[in-house]
C-alpha atoms as a PDB file:
ATOM      1  CA  MET A   1       5.335   6.045   5.023  1.00  0.00           C
ATOM      2  CA  LYS A   2       4.836   4.228   1.555  1.00  0.00           C
ATOM      3  CA  PHE A   3       7.449   4.992  -0.457  1.00  0.00           C
ATOM      4  CA  ASN A   4      10.314   6.369   1.803  1.00  0.00           C
ATOM      5  CA  GLU A   5      10.455   3.277   4.126  1.00  0.00           C
ATOM      6  CA  TYR A   6       8.689   4.395   7.062  1.00  0.00           C
ATOM      7  CA  PRO A   7       6.340   1.608   8.397  1.00  0.00           C
ATOM      8  CA  GLN A   8       6.483   2.841  11.789  1.00  0.00           C
ATOM      9  CA  TYR A   9       4.184   5.835  11.140  1.00  0.00           C
ATOM     10  CA  ALA A  10       1.231   3.666  10.437  1.00  0.00           C
ATOM     11  CA  ASP A  11       0.484   3.499  14.209  1.00  0.00           C
ATOM     12  CA  LYS A  12       0.654   6.976  14.549  1.00  0.00           C
ATOM     13  CA  LEU A  13      -1.490   7.786  11.376  1.00  0.00           C
ATOM     14  CA  ALA A  14      -4.035   5.006  12.519  1.00  0.00           C
ATOM     15  CA  ILE A  15      -4.530   6.697  15.742  1.00  0.00           C
ATOM     16  CA  LEU A  16      -5.141  10.127  13.985  1.00  0.00           C
ATOM     17  CA  MET A  17      -7.594   8.400  11.579  1.00  0.00           C
ATOM     18  CA  ASN A  18      -9.592   7.369  14.248  1.00  0.00           C
ATOM     19  CA  ARG A  19      -9.417  10.460  16.168  1.00  0.00           C
ATOM     20  CA  ILE A  20     -10.484  12.747  13.123  1.00  0.00           C
ATOM     21  CA  ILE A  21     -12.619  10.318  11.802  1.00  0.00           C
ATOM     22  CA  GLY A  22     -14.370   8.744  15.195  1.00  0.00           C
ATOM     23  CA  PHE A  23     -15.306   5.272  14.143  1.00  0.00           C
ATOM     24  CA  ASP A  24     -18.063   3.931  15.995  1.00  0.00           C
ATOM     25  CA  PRO A  25     -16.652   0.049  16.779  1.00  0.00           C
ATOM     26  CA  LYS A  26     -20.421  -1.172  16.800  1.00  0.00           C
ATOM     27  CA  GLU A  27     -20.755  -0.218  13.114  1.00  0.00           C
ATOM     28  CA  TYR A  28     -18.408  -3.234  12.003  1.00  0.00           C
ATOM     29  CA  ASP A  29     -17.531  -6.550  12.277  1.00  0.00           C
ATOM     30  CA  VAL A  30     -14.433  -6.929  10.910  1.00  0.00           C
ATOM     31  CA  ILE A  31     -11.552  -4.465   9.520  1.00  0.00           C
ATOM     32  CA  THR A  32     -10.068  -5.140   6.282  1.00  0.00           C
ATOM     33  CA  PHE A  33      -7.417  -3.679   4.055  1.00  0.00           C
ATOM     34  CA  VAL A  34      -6.545  -3.144   0.107  1.00  0.00           C
ATOM     35  CA  PRO A  35      -4.338  -6.039  -0.503  1.00  0.00           C
ATOM     36  CA  MET A  36      -0.884  -5.872  -2.491  1.00  0.00           C
ATOM     37  CA  HIS A  37       0.336  -8.199  -5.091  1.00  0.00           C
ATOM     38  CA  PRO A  38       2.434 -10.686  -3.190  1.00  0.00           C
ATOM     39  CA  MET A  39       5.394  -9.985  -5.412  1.00  0.00           C
ATOM     40  CA  ARG A  40       4.990  -5.987  -4.740  1.00  0.00           C
ATOM     41  CA  GLN A  41       4.666  -6.600  -1.254  1.00  0.00           C
ATOM     42  CA  VAL A  42       8.145  -8.753  -1.005  1.00  0.00           C
ATOM     43  CA  THR A  43       9.801  -5.902  -2.688  1.00  0.00           C
ATOM     44  CA  ARG A  44       8.357  -3.233  -0.604  1.00  0.00           C
ATOM     45  CA  GLY A  45       8.322  -5.342   2.390  1.00  0.00           C
ATOM     46  CA  TYR A  46       4.917  -4.436   3.841  1.00  0.00           C
ATOM     47  CA  ASN A  47       1.341  -3.415   2.802  1.00  0.00           C
ATOM     48  CA  GLN A  48       1.056   0.216   4.181  1.00  0.00           C
ATOM     49  CA  SER A  49      -3.108  -0.447   4.124  1.00  0.00           C
ATOM     50  CA  GLU A  50      -2.604  -3.558   6.024  1.00  0.00           C
ATOM     51  CA  LEU A  51      -0.445  -1.912   8.854  1.00  0.00           C
ATOM     52  CA  LEU A  52      -3.007   0.806   9.306  1.00  0.00           C
ATOM     53  CA  ALA A  53      -6.042  -1.745   9.435  1.00  0.00           C
ATOM     54  CA  ARG A  54      -4.276  -3.636  11.777  1.00  0.00           C
ATOM     55  CA  GLN A  55      -3.399  -0.816  14.211  1.00  0.00           C
ATOM     56  CA  LEU A  56      -7.285   0.431  13.986  1.00  0.00           C
ATOM     57  CA  SER A  57      -8.235  -3.198  14.959  1.00  0.00           C
ATOM     58  CA  LYS A  58      -6.216  -2.734  18.015  1.00  0.00           C
ATOM     59  CA  GLU A  59      -7.641   0.653  18.799  1.00  0.00           C
ATOM     60  CA  LEU A  60     -11.315  -0.307  18.081  1.00  0.00           C
ATOM     61  CA  ASN A  61     -10.961  -3.742  19.313  1.00  0.00           C
ATOM     62  CA  ILE A  62     -12.577  -5.166  16.071  1.00  0.00           C
ATOM     63  CA  PRO A  63     -10.892  -7.815  14.425  1.00  0.00           C
ATOM     64  CA  CYS A  64      -8.643  -7.442  11.137  1.00  0.00           C
ATOM     65  CA  GLU A  65      -8.818  -9.954   8.320  1.00  0.00           C
ATOM     66  CA  ALA A  66      -7.559 -10.163   4.627  1.00  0.00           C
ATOM     67  CA  LEU A  67     -10.939 -10.732   2.963  1.00  0.00           C
ATOM     68  CA  LEU A  68      -9.321  -9.804  -0.470  1.00  0.00           C
ATOM     69  CA  ILE A  69      -6.437 -11.009  -2.476  1.00  0.00           C
ATOM     70  CA  LYS A  70      -4.673  -9.244  -5.379  1.00  0.00           C
ATOM     71  CA  ILE A  71      -4.695 -12.065  -8.049  1.00  0.00           C
ATOM     72  CA  LYS A  72      -2.930  -9.728 -10.874  1.00  0.00           C
ATOM     73  CA  ASN A  73       0.246  -7.728 -10.484  1.00  0.00           C
ATOM     74  CA  ASN A  74      -0.967  -4.681 -12.645  1.00  0.00           C
ATOM     75  CA  LEU A  75       0.857  -1.351 -12.898  1.00  0.00           C
ATOM     76  CA  ALA A  76       1.021   0.946  -9.835  1.00  0.00           C
ATOM     77  CA  GLN A  77      -1.942   3.205  -9.919  1.00  0.00           C
ATOM     78  CA  HIS A  78      -0.104   6.460  -9.140  1.00  0.00           C
ATOM     79  CA  GLU A  79       2.000   5.898 -12.361  1.00  0.00           C
ATOM     80  CA  LEU A  80      -1.563   6.102 -14.560  1.00  0.00           C
ATOM     81  CA  SER A  81      -4.058   8.996 -15.312  1.00  0.00           C
ATOM     82  CA  ALA A  82      -7.303   9.084 -13.535  1.00  0.00           C
ATOM     83  CA  LYS A  83      -9.111   7.279 -16.858  1.00  0.00           C
ATOM     84  CA  GLU A  84      -6.240   4.531 -17.099  1.00  0.00           C
ATOM     85  CA  ARG A  85      -6.697   3.929 -13.115  1.00  0.00           C
ATOM     86  CA  LYS A  86     -10.260   2.531 -13.659  1.00  0.00           C
ATOM     87  CA  LYS A  87      -9.215   0.328 -16.245  1.00  0.00           C
ATOM     88  CA  ASN A  88      -5.873  -1.134 -14.471  1.00  0.00           C
ATOM     89  CA  VAL A  89      -7.935  -2.038 -11.266  1.00  0.00           C
ATOM     90  CA  LYS A  90     -10.623  -4.046 -13.011  1.00  0.00           C
ATOM     91  CA  GLY A  91     -10.728  -7.937 -12.234  1.00  0.00           C
ATOM     92  CA  VAL A  92      -7.444  -7.682 -10.087  1.00  0.00           C
ATOM     93  CA  TYR A  93      -9.030  -8.442  -6.454  1.00  0.00           C
ATOM     94  CA  GLN A  94     -10.889 -11.467  -5.525  1.00  0.00           C
ATOM     95  CA  ALA A  95     -12.585 -12.581  -2.312  1.00  0.00           C
ATOM     96  CA  ILE A  96     -10.537 -15.152   0.061  1.00  0.00           C
ATOM     97  CA  ASN A  97     -13.805 -16.576   1.513  1.00  0.00           C
ATOM     98  CA  GLN A  98     -17.180 -15.484   1.107  1.00  0.00           C
ATOM     99  CA  GLU A  99     -18.544 -17.322   4.241  1.00  0.00           C
ATOM    100  CA  LYS A 100     -16.347 -14.601   5.982  1.00  0.00           C
ATOM    101  CA  ILE A 101     -17.380 -11.591   4.246  1.00  0.00           C
ATOM    102  CA  LYS A 102     -21.200 -12.678   3.776  1.00  0.00           C
ATOM    103  CA  ARG A 103     -23.647 -10.370   5.894  1.00  0.00           C
ATOM    104  CA  LYS A 104     -20.482  -8.672   7.720  1.00  0.00           C
ATOM    105  CA  ASN A 105     -20.495  -4.856   8.273  1.00  0.00           C
ATOM    106  CA  ILE A 106     -16.709  -4.359   6.865  1.00  0.00           C
ATOM    107  CA  LEU A 107     -14.679  -1.133   7.065  1.00  0.00           C
ATOM    108  CA  ILE A 108     -12.116  -1.323   4.490  1.00  0.00           C
ATOM    109  CA  ILE A 109      -8.596   0.948   4.667  1.00  0.00           C
ATOM    110  CA  ASP A 110      -6.530   2.270   1.955  1.00  0.00           C
ATOM    111  CA  ASP A 111      -3.498   4.516   2.506  1.00  0.00           C
ATOM    112  CA  VAL A 112      -4.483   7.166  -0.185  1.00  0.00           C
ATOM    113  CA  ILE A 113      -7.765   7.475  -2.078  1.00  0.00           C
ATOM    114  CA  THR A 114      -7.045   9.562  -5.533  1.00  0.00           C
ATOM    115  CA  THR A 115     -10.012   8.507  -7.894  1.00  0.00           C
ATOM    116  CA  GLY A 116     -11.562   6.052  -5.713  1.00  0.00           C
ATOM    117  CA  HIS A 117     -11.213   3.172  -8.271  1.00  0.00           C
ATOM    118  CA  THR A 118      -8.930   1.034  -6.042  1.00  0.00           C
ATOM    119  CA  LEU A 119     -11.544   0.953  -3.454  1.00  0.00           C
ATOM    120  CA  GLY A 120     -14.462   0.936  -5.600  1.00  0.00           C
ATOM    121  CA  GLU A 121     -13.335  -2.084  -7.393  1.00  0.00           C
ATOM    122  CA  CYS A 122     -12.457  -3.961  -3.890  1.00  0.00           C
ATOM    123  CA  CYS A 123     -16.146  -2.697  -2.662  1.00  0.00           C
ATOM    124  CA  ARG A 124     -17.229  -4.613  -6.000  1.00  0.00           C
ATOM    125  CA  MET A 125     -15.609  -7.808  -4.850  1.00  0.00           C
ATOM    126  CA  LEU A 126     -17.093  -7.612  -1.194  1.00  0.00           C
ATOM    127  CA  GLU A 127     -20.463  -6.844  -2.653  1.00  0.00           C
ATOM    128  CA  LYS A 128     -20.154  -9.746  -5.091  1.00  0.00           C
ATOM    129  CA  ALA A 129     -19.511 -11.739  -1.962  1.00  0.00           C
ATOM    130  CA  LYS A 130     -22.573 -10.816   0.013  1.00  0.00           C
ATOM    131  CA  ALA A 131     -20.953  -8.036   2.658  1.00  0.00           C
ATOM    132  CA  GLY A 132     -23.475  -6.091   4.587  1.00  0.00           C
ATOM    133  CA  LYS A 133     -22.560  -2.637   4.790  1.00  0.00           C
ATOM    134  CA  ILE A 134     -19.112  -1.415   3.445  1.00  0.00           C
ATOM    135  CA  THR A 135     -17.531   1.858   5.162  1.00  0.00           C
ATOM    136  CA  CYS A 136     -14.110   2.888   3.021  1.00  0.00           C
ATOM    137  CA  ALA A 137     -11.456   4.965   4.949  1.00  0.00           C
ATOM    138  CA  SER A 138      -8.011   6.425   4.215  1.00  0.00           C
ATOM    139  CA  VAL A 139      -5.403   8.282   5.658  1.00  0.00           C
ATOM    140  CA  THR A 140      -5.405  10.901   3.131  1.00  0.00           C
ATOM    141  CA  ALA A 141      -6.968  11.600  -0.285  1.00  0.00           C
ATOM    142  CA  LYS A 142      -5.571  13.361  -3.232  1.00  0.00           C
ATOM    143  CA  ILE A 143      -8.817  13.790  -5.367  1.00  0.00           C
ATOM    144  CA  GLU A 144      -8.001  14.146  -9.199  1.00  0.00           C
END
């Protein structure tokens, strides 16, 4: 889906995520996603995490909103070692609107979890904006 230009897979993958994980819609106020830098998104044509989140939003009947933006066009995480990844994502995300985040229970979606540093940094920004409970989910995990 991500590198082979198959964004249409997001719908089926989101349905599978929901079947396997079994999200409880009552637990979340909003679904969000790991943002891409605008330049990278233009190059790829889509944000795979956003596509997954938007489909889950339909499945669960929970609003999906962009709560974070990526303010730095850092190196792609998949090209880095585990140690380099943590440093690479530090300070690259920012909350868009604290009032939309404050005290909200948030489900944040990413496509792949490898080291957890990307989601960790996103969670740090959501916590800084005073989010309620934050739950992370992805289609797959490749733990390094």
